[in-house]
Amino acid sequence: MSRPAKRSLTLAGHRTSVSLEPEFWQAFRELAAERDTTPATLATEIDRARGLETGLATAIRLFVLAEYRHRLGLG
């Protein structure tokens, strides 16, 4: 298992840091590229959709998981 890596993102004009495992960062970058957008733009969309009780890192992980589950026909 890899240790989380912290990256800085600008979301709606505000700088923030997110810690994700390198495998999640890679998958997240790939999903953003498939949508022809940047990770920061995709993170902004996720940030706007998440509830206040869910942290941004968790929301990104759940987004990645949901996308791959959908591709496997599991959700």
PDB file of N, CA and C in Angstrom:
ATOM      1  N   MET A   1       0.836  -1.180   0.000  1.00  0.00           N
ATOM      2  CA  MET A   1       0.000   0.000   0.000  1.00  0.00           C
ATOM      3  C   MET A   1       0.882   1.245   0.000  1.00  0.00           C
ATOM      4  N   SER A   2       0.444   2.202  -0.736  1.00  0.00           N
ATOM      5  CA  SER A   2       1.187   3.454  -0.831  1.00  0.00           C
ATOM      6  C   SER A   2       0.694   4.454   0.207  1.00  0.00           C
ATOM      7  N   ARG A   3       1.597   5.318   0.622  1.00  0.00           N
ATOM      8  CA  ARG A   3       1.231   6.392   1.543  1.00  0.00           C
ATOM      9  C   ARG A   3       0.572   7.519   0.756  1.00  0.00           C
ATOM     10  N   PRO A   4      -0.384   8.204   1.364  1.00  0.00           N
ATOM     11  CA  PRO A   4      -1.026   9.340   0.680  1.00  0.00           C
ATOM     12  C   PRO A   4      -0.001  10.417   0.317  1.00  0.00           C
ATOM     13  N   ALA A   5      -0.256  11.040  -0.818  1.00  0.00           N
ATOM     14  CA  ALA A   5       0.574  12.147  -1.287  1.00  0.00           C
ATOM     15  C   ALA A   5      -0.297  13.397  -1.319  1.00  0.00           C
ATOM     16  N   LYS A   6       0.227  14.488  -0.792  1.00  0.00           N
ATOM     17  CA  LYS A   6      -0.521  15.743  -0.744  1.00  0.00           C
ATOM     18  C   LYS A   6      -0.251  16.547  -2.009  1.00  0.00           C
ATOM     19  N   ARG A   7      -1.337  17.045  -2.600  1.00  0.00           N
ATOM     20  CA  ARG A   7      -1.235  17.899  -3.782  1.00  0.00           C
ATOM     21  C   ARG A   7      -2.056  19.158  -3.527  1.00  0.00           C
ATOM     22  N   SER A   8      -1.609  20.257  -4.068  1.00  0.00           N
ATOM     23  CA  SER A   8      -2.353  21.514  -3.969  1.00  0.00           C
ATOM     24  C   SER A   8      -3.211  21.690  -5.207  1.00  0.00           C
ATOM     25  N   LEU A   9      -4.430  22.148  -4.996  1.00  0.00           N
ATOM     26  CA  LEU A   9      -5.366  22.422  -6.078  1.00  0.00           C
ATOM     27  C   LEU A   9      -5.983  23.790  -5.845  1.00  0.00           C
ATOM     28  N   THR A  10      -6.403  24.427  -6.917  1.00  0.00           N
ATOM     29  CA  THR A  10      -7.157  25.661  -6.809  1.00  0.00           C
ATOM     30  C   THR A  10      -8.588  25.357  -7.204  1.00  0.00           C
ATOM     31  N   LEU A  11      -9.502  25.511  -6.245  1.00  0.00           N
ATOM     32  CA  LEU A  11     -10.915  25.238  -6.459  1.00  0.00           C
ATOM     33  C   LEU A  11     -11.684  26.539  -6.356  1.00  0.00           C
ATOM     34  N   ALA A  12     -12.294  26.948  -7.453  1.00  0.00           N
ATOM     35  CA  ALA A  12     -13.082  28.188  -7.472  1.00  0.00           C
ATOM     36  C   ALA A  12     -12.280  29.366  -6.920  1.00  0.00           C
ATOM     37  N   GLY A  13     -11.011  29.431  -7.295  1.00  0.00           N
ATOM     38  CA  GLY A  13     -10.161  30.539  -6.892  1.00  0.00           C
ATOM     39  C   GLY A  13      -9.505  30.416  -5.523  1.00  0.00           C
ATOM     40  N   HIS A  14      -9.739  29.299  -4.836  1.00  0.00           N
ATOM     41  CA  HIS A  14      -9.172  29.094  -3.509  1.00  0.00           C
ATOM     42  C   HIS A  14      -8.219  27.914  -3.514  1.00  0.00           C
ATOM     43  N   ARG A  15      -7.032  28.110  -2.939  1.00  0.00           N
ATOM     44  CA  ARG A  15      -6.047  27.030  -2.848  1.00  0.00           C
ATOM     45  C   ARG A  15      -6.421  26.090  -1.713  1.00  0.00           C
ATOM     46  N   THR A  16      -6.280  24.800  -1.980  1.00  0.00           N
ATOM     47  CA  THR A  16      -6.501  23.792  -0.952  1.00  0.00           C
ATOM     48  C   THR A  16      -5.558  22.634  -1.211  1.00  0.00           C
ATOM     49  N   SER A  17      -5.344  21.818  -0.207  1.00  0.00           N
ATOM     50  CA  SER A  17      -4.506  20.631  -0.352  1.00  0.00           C
ATOM     51  C   SER A  17      -5.359  19.396  -0.138  1.00  0.00           C
ATOM     52  N   VAL A  18      -5.061  18.368  -0.930  1.00  0.00           N
ATOM     53  CA  VAL A  18      -5.775  17.098  -0.841  1.00  0.00           C
ATOM     54  C   VAL A  18      -4.733  15.989  -0.764  1.00  0.00           C
ATOM     55  N   SER A  19      -4.943  15.056   0.156  1.00  0.00           N
ATOM     56  CA  SER A  19      -4.059  13.901   0.293  1.00  0.00           C
ATOM     57  C   SER A  19      -4.771  12.655  -0.216  1.00  0.00           C
ATOM     58  N   LEU A  20      -4.194  12.043  -1.239  1.00  0.00           N
ATOM     59  CA  LEU A  20      -4.697  10.797  -1.805  1.00  0.00           C
ATOM     60  C   LEU A  20      -3.526   9.866  -2.055  1.00  0.00           C
ATOM     61  N   GLU A  21      -3.799   8.579  -2.067  1.00  0.00           N
ATOM     62  CA  GLU A  21      -2.777   7.605  -2.431  1.00  0.00           C
ATOM     63  C   GLU A  21      -2.420   7.823  -3.899  1.00  0.00           C
ATOM     64  N   PRO A  22      -1.149   7.562  -4.271  1.00  0.00           N
ATOM     65  CA  PRO A  22      -0.726   7.787  -5.659  1.00  0.00           C
ATOM     66  C   PRO A  22      -1.614   7.084  -6.692  1.00  0.00           C
ATOM     67  N   GLU A  23      -2.128   5.917  -6.348  1.00  0.00           N
ATOM     68  CA  GLU A  23      -2.994   5.194  -7.286  1.00  0.00           C
ATOM     69  C   GLU A  23      -4.300   5.954  -7.534  1.00  0.00           C
ATOM     70  N   PHE A  24      -4.823   6.602  -6.499  1.00  0.00           N
ATOM     71  CA  PHE A  24      -6.030   7.410  -6.677  1.00  0.00           C
ATOM     72  C   PHE A  24      -5.723   8.672  -7.474  1.00  0.00           C
ATOM     73  N   TRP A  25      -4.563   9.294  -7.219  1.00  0.00           N
ATOM     74  CA  TRP A  25      -4.188  10.462  -8.015  1.00  0.00           C
ATOM     75  C   TRP A  25      -4.089  10.088  -9.491  1.00  0.00           C
ATOM     76  N   GLN A  26      -3.469   8.956  -9.791  1.00  0.00           N
ATOM     77  CA  GLN A  26      -3.321   8.528 -11.176  1.00  0.00           C
ATOM     78  C   GLN A  26      -4.682   8.298 -11.827  1.00  0.00           C
ATOM     79  N   ALA A  27      -5.548   7.560 -11.148  1.00  0.00           N
ATOM     80  CA  ALA A  27      -6.885   7.293 -11.688  1.00  0.00           C
ATOM     81  C   ALA A  27      -7.667   8.595 -11.863  1.00  0.00           C
ATOM     82  N   PHE A  28      -7.538   9.504 -10.902  1.00  0.00           N
ATOM     83  CA  PHE A  28      -8.242  10.778 -10.971  1.00  0.00           C
ATOM     84  C   PHE A  28      -7.764  11.608 -12.159  1.00  0.00           C
ATOM     85  N   ARG A  29      -6.451  11.658 -12.379  1.00  0.00           N
ATOM     86  CA  ARG A  29      -5.909  12.381 -13.541  1.00  0.00           C
ATOM     87  C   ARG A  29      -6.400  11.758 -14.842  1.00  0.00           C
ATOM     88  N   GLU A  30      -6.446  10.426 -14.904  1.00  0.00           N
ATOM     89  CA  GLU A  30      -6.928   9.739 -16.106  1.00  0.00           C
ATOM     90  C   GLU A  30      -8.397  10.060 -16.376  1.00  0.00           C
ATOM     91  N   LEU A  31      -9.212  10.054 -15.329  1.00  0.00           N
ATOM     92  CA  LEU A  31     -10.631  10.370 -15.502  1.00  0.00           C
ATOM     93  C   LEU A  31     -10.820  11.810 -15.961  1.00  0.00           C
ATOM     94  N   ALA A  32     -10.033  12.731 -15.418  1.00  0.00           N
ATOM     95  CA  ALA A  32     -10.109  14.126 -15.857  1.00  0.00           C
ATOM     96  C   ALA A  32      -9.715  14.234 -17.332  1.00  0.00           C
ATOM     97  N   ALA A  33      -8.651  13.555 -17.731  1.00  0.00           N
ATOM     98  CA  ALA A  33      -8.204  13.603 -19.124  1.00  0.00           C
ATOM     99  C   ALA A  33      -9.259  13.037 -20.061  1.00  0.00           C
ATOM    100  N   GLU A  34      -9.923  11.956 -19.658  1.00  0.00           N
ATOM    101  CA  GLU A  34     -10.986  11.377 -20.483  1.00  0.00           C
ATOM    102  C   GLU A  34     -12.120  12.365 -20.698  1.00  0.00           C
ATOM    103  N   ARG A  35     -12.330  13.241 -19.727  1.00  0.00           N
ATOM    104  CA  ARG A  35     -13.385  14.252 -19.829  1.00  0.00           C
ATOM    105  C   ARG A  35     -12.871  15.544 -20.466  1.00  0.00           C
ATOM    106  N   ASP A  36     -11.612  15.518 -20.903  1.00  0.00           N
ATOM    107  CA  ASP A  36     -10.974  16.673 -21.523  1.00  0.00           C
ATOM    108  C   ASP A  36     -11.009  17.890 -20.589  1.00  0.00           C
ATOM    109  N   THR A  37     -10.676  17.639 -19.323  1.00  0.00           N
ATOM    110  CA  THR A  37     -10.640  18.706 -18.325  1.00  0.00           C
ATOM    111  C   THR A  37      -9.425  18.498 -17.436  1.00  0.00           C
ATOM    112  N   THR A  38      -9.215  19.407 -16.531  1.00  0.00           N
ATOM    113  CA  THR A  38      -8.086  19.304 -15.607  1.00  0.00           C
ATOM    114  C   THR A  38      -8.537  18.661 -14.298  1.00  0.00           C
ATOM    115  N   PRO A  39      -7.609  18.083 -13.555  1.00  0.00           N
ATOM    116  CA  PRO A  39      -7.973  17.575 -12.228  1.00  0.00           C
ATOM    117  C   PRO A  39      -8.585  18.652 -11.339  1.00  0.00           C
ATOM    118  N   ALA A  40      -8.094  19.873 -11.425  1.00  0.00           N
ATOM    119  CA  ALA A  40      -8.640  20.958 -10.590  1.00  0.00           C
ATOM    120  C   ALA A  40     -10.091  21.255 -10.953  1.00  0.00           C
ATOM    121  N   THR A  41     -10.406  21.256 -12.238  1.00  0.00           N
ATOM    122  CA  THR A  41     -11.785  21.502 -12.667  1.00  0.00           C
ATOM    123  C   THR A  41     -12.696  20.369 -12.224  1.00  0.00           C
ATOM    124  N   LEU A  42     -12.238  19.137 -12.384  1.00  0.00           N
ATOM    125  CA  LEU A  42     -13.030  17.991 -11.946  1.00  0.00           C
ATOM    126  C   LEU A  42     -13.198  18.007 -10.430  1.00  0.00           C
ATOM    127  N   ALA A  43     -12.151  18.356  -9.704  1.00  0.00           N
ATOM    128  CA  ALA A  43     -12.240  18.447  -8.241  1.00  0.00           C
ATOM    129  C   ALA A  43     -13.228  19.534  -7.828  1.00  0.00           C
ATOM    130  N   THR A  44     -13.282  20.625  -8.574  1.00  0.00           N
ATOM    131  CA  THR A  44     -14.241  21.690  -8.282  1.00  0.00           C
ATOM    132  C   THR A  44     -15.669  21.173  -8.428  1.00  0.00           C
ATOM    133  N   GLU A  45     -15.924  20.394  -9.478  1.00  0.00           N
ATOM    134  CA  GLU A  45     -17.253  19.810  -9.678  1.00  0.00           C
ATOM    135  C   GLU A  45     -17.605  18.867  -8.519  1.00  0.00           C
ATOM    136  N   ILE A  46     -16.658  18.046  -8.122  1.00  0.00           N
ATOM    137  CA  ILE A  46     -16.874  17.116  -7.010  1.00  0.00           C
ATOM    138  C   ILE A  46     -17.103  17.893  -5.723  1.00  0.00           C
ATOM    139  N   ASP A  47     -16.326  18.933  -5.512  1.00  0.00           N
ATOM    140  CA  ASP A  47     -16.445  19.753  -4.309  1.00  0.00           C
ATOM    141  C   ASP A  47     -17.837  20.372  -4.207  1.00  0.00           C
ATOM    142  N   ARG A  48     -18.359  20.865  -5.323  1.00  0.00           N
ATOM    143  CA  ARG A  48     -19.684  21.495  -5.322  1.00  0.00           C
ATOM    144  C   ARG A  48     -20.792  20.483  -5.047  1.00  0.00           C
ATOM    145  N   ALA A  49     -20.583  19.227  -5.441  1.00  0.00           N
ATOM    146  CA  ALA A  49     -21.621  18.201  -5.304  1.00  0.00           C
ATOM    147  C   ALA A  49     -21.597  17.485  -3.952  1.00  0.00           C
ATOM    148  N   ARG A  50     -20.488  17.586  -3.231  1.00  0.00           N
ATOM    149  CA  ARG A  50     -20.377  16.826  -1.979  1.00  0.00           C
ATOM    150  C   ARG A  50     -21.132  17.512  -0.856  1.00  0.00           C
ATOM    151  N   GLY A  51     -21.518  16.729   0.115  1.00  0.00           N
ATOM    152  CA  GLY A  51     -22.156  17.283   1.300  1.00  0.00           C
ATOM    153  C   GLY A  51     -21.112  17.812   2.264  1.00  0.00           C
ATOM    154  N   LEU A  52     -21.546  18.609   3.198  1.00  0.00           N
ATOM    155  CA  LEU A  52     -20.620  19.194   4.172  1.00  0.00           C
ATOM    156  C   LEU A  52     -19.988  18.148   5.079  1.00  0.00           C
ATOM    157  N   GLU A  53     -20.658  17.003   5.229  1.00  0.00           N
ATOM    158  CA  GLU A  53     -20.142  15.949   6.100  1.00  0.00           C
ATOM    159  C   GLU A  53     -19.056  15.103   5.429  1.00  0.00           C
ATOM    160  N   THR A  54     -18.843  15.300   4.135  1.00  0.00           N
ATOM    161  CA  THR A  54     -17.856  14.511   3.392  1.00  0.00           C
ATOM    162  C   THR A  54     -16.660  15.375   3.044  1.00  0.00           C
ATOM    163  N   GLY A  55     -15.468  14.936   3.422  1.00  0.00           N
ATOM    164  CA  GLY A  55     -14.249  15.658   3.073  1.00  0.00           C
ATOM    165  C   GLY A  55     -13.950  15.540   1.581  1.00  0.00           C
ATOM    166  N   LEU A  56     -13.179  16.469   1.064  1.00  0.00           N
ATOM    167  CA  LEU A  56     -12.885  16.479  -0.362  1.00  0.00           C
ATOM    168  C   LEU A  56     -12.111  15.240  -0.789  1.00  0.00           C
ATOM    169  N   ALA A  57     -11.122  14.821  -0.024  1.00  0.00           N
ATOM    170  CA  ALA A  57     -10.352  13.626  -0.386  1.00  0.00           C
ATOM    171  C   ALA A  57     -11.270  12.406  -0.455  1.00  0.00           C
ATOM    172  N   THR A  58     -12.152  12.272   0.513  1.00  0.00           N
ATOM    173  CA  THR A  58     -13.104  11.158   0.506  1.00  0.00           C
ATOM    174  C   THR A  58     -14.018  11.254  -0.707  1.00  0.00           C
ATOM    175  N   ALA A  59     -14.507  12.445  -1.006  1.00  0.00           N
ATOM    176  CA  ALA A  59     -15.389  12.632  -2.158  1.00  0.00           C
ATOM    177  C   ALA A  59     -14.687  12.257  -3.462  1.00  0.00           C
ATOM    178  N   ILE A  60     -13.410  12.592  -3.588  1.00  0.00           N
ATOM    179  CA  ILE A  60     -12.667  12.229  -4.798  1.00  0.00           C
ATOM    180  C   ILE A  60     -12.496  10.720  -4.873  1.00  0.00           C
ATOM    181  N   ARG A  61     -12.134  10.082  -3.770  1.00  0.00           N
ATOM    182  CA  ARG A  61     -11.998   8.622  -3.760  1.00  0.00           C
ATOM    183  C   ARG A  61     -13.314   7.947  -4.143  1.00  0.00           C
ATOM    184  N   LEU A  62     -14.415   8.430  -3.576  1.00  0.00           N
ATOM    185  CA  LEU A  62     -15.720   7.844  -3.885  1.00  0.00           C
ATOM    186  C   LEU A  62     -16.102   8.074  -5.341  1.00  0.00           C
ATOM    187  N   PHE A  63     -15.736   9.223  -5.901  1.00  0.00           N
ATOM    188  CA  PHE A  63     -15.975   9.499  -7.314  1.00  0.00           C
ATOM    189  C   PHE A  63     -15.220   8.499  -8.185  1.00  0.00           C
ATOM    190  N   VAL A  64     -13.941   8.302  -7.892  1.00  0.00           N
ATOM    191  CA  VAL A  64     -13.124   7.349  -8.665  1.00  0.00           C
ATOM    192  C   VAL A  64     -13.717   5.944  -8.551  1.00  0.00           C
ATOM    193  N   LEU A  65     -14.057   5.537  -7.335  1.00  0.00           N
ATOM    194  CA  LEU A  65     -14.644   4.216  -7.131  1.00  0.00           C
ATOM    195  C   LEU A  65     -15.946   4.065  -7.904  1.00  0.00           C
ATOM    196  N   ALA A  66     -16.824   5.053  -7.820  1.00  0.00           N
ATOM    197  CA  ALA A  66     -18.107   4.983  -8.523  1.00  0.00           C
ATOM    198  C   ALA A  66     -17.913   4.880 -10.026  1.00  0.00           C
ATOM    199  N   GLU A  67     -16.950   5.628 -10.561  1.00  0.00           N
ATOM    200  CA  GLU A  67     -16.699   5.582 -12.010  1.00  0.00           C
ATOM    201  C   GLU A  67     -16.261   4.178 -12.431  1.00  0.00           C
ATOM    202  N   TYR A  68     -15.342   3.596 -11.713  1.00  0.00           N
ATOM    203  CA  TYR A  68     -14.870   2.267 -12.089  1.00  0.00           C
ATOM    204  C   TYR A  68     -15.918   1.195 -11.828  1.00  0.00           C
ATOM    205  N   ARG A  69     -16.724   1.333 -10.779  1.00  0.00           N
ATOM    206  CA  ARG A  69     -17.833   0.397 -10.548  1.00  0.00           C
ATOM    207  C   ARG A  69     -18.825   0.471 -11.696  1.00  0.00           C
ATOM    208  N   HIS A  70     -19.107   1.687 -12.152  1.00  0.00           N
ATOM    209  CA  HIS A  70     -20.026   1.879 -13.277  1.00  0.00           C
ATOM    210  C   HIS A  70     -19.485   1.176 -14.522  1.00  0.00           C
ATOM    211  N   ARG A  71     -18.209   1.318 -14.775  1.00  0.00           N
ATOM    212  CA  ARG A  71     -17.599   0.688 -15.951  1.00  0.00           C
ATOM    213  C   ARG A  71     -17.655  -0.841 -15.887  1.00  0.00           C
ATOM    214  N   LEU A  72     -17.656  -1.366 -14.665  1.00  0.00           N
ATOM    215  CA  LEU A  72     -17.740  -2.811 -14.488  1.00  0.00           C
ATOM    216  C   LEU A  72     -19.183  -3.310 -14.433  1.00  0.00           C
ATOM    217  N   GLY A  73     -20.122  -2.367 -14.543  1.00  0.00           N
ATOM    218  CA  GLY A  73     -21.525  -2.737 -14.490  1.00  0.00           C
ATOM    219  C   GLY A  73     -22.019  -3.050 -13.103  1.00  0.00           C
ATOM    220  N   LEU A  74     -21.363  -2.488 -12.089  1.00  0.00           N
ATOM    221  CA  LEU A  74     -21.714  -2.782 -10.700  1.00  0.00           C
ATOM    222  C   LEU A  74     -22.494  -1.660 -10.025  1.00  0.00           C
ATOM    223  N   GLY A  75     -22.812  -0.638 -10.743  1.00  0.00           N
ATOM    224  CA  GLY A  75     -23.525   0.430 -10.057  1.00  0.00           C
ATOM    225  C   GLY A  75     -23.963   1.547 -10.922  1.00  0.00           C
TER     226      GLY A  75
END
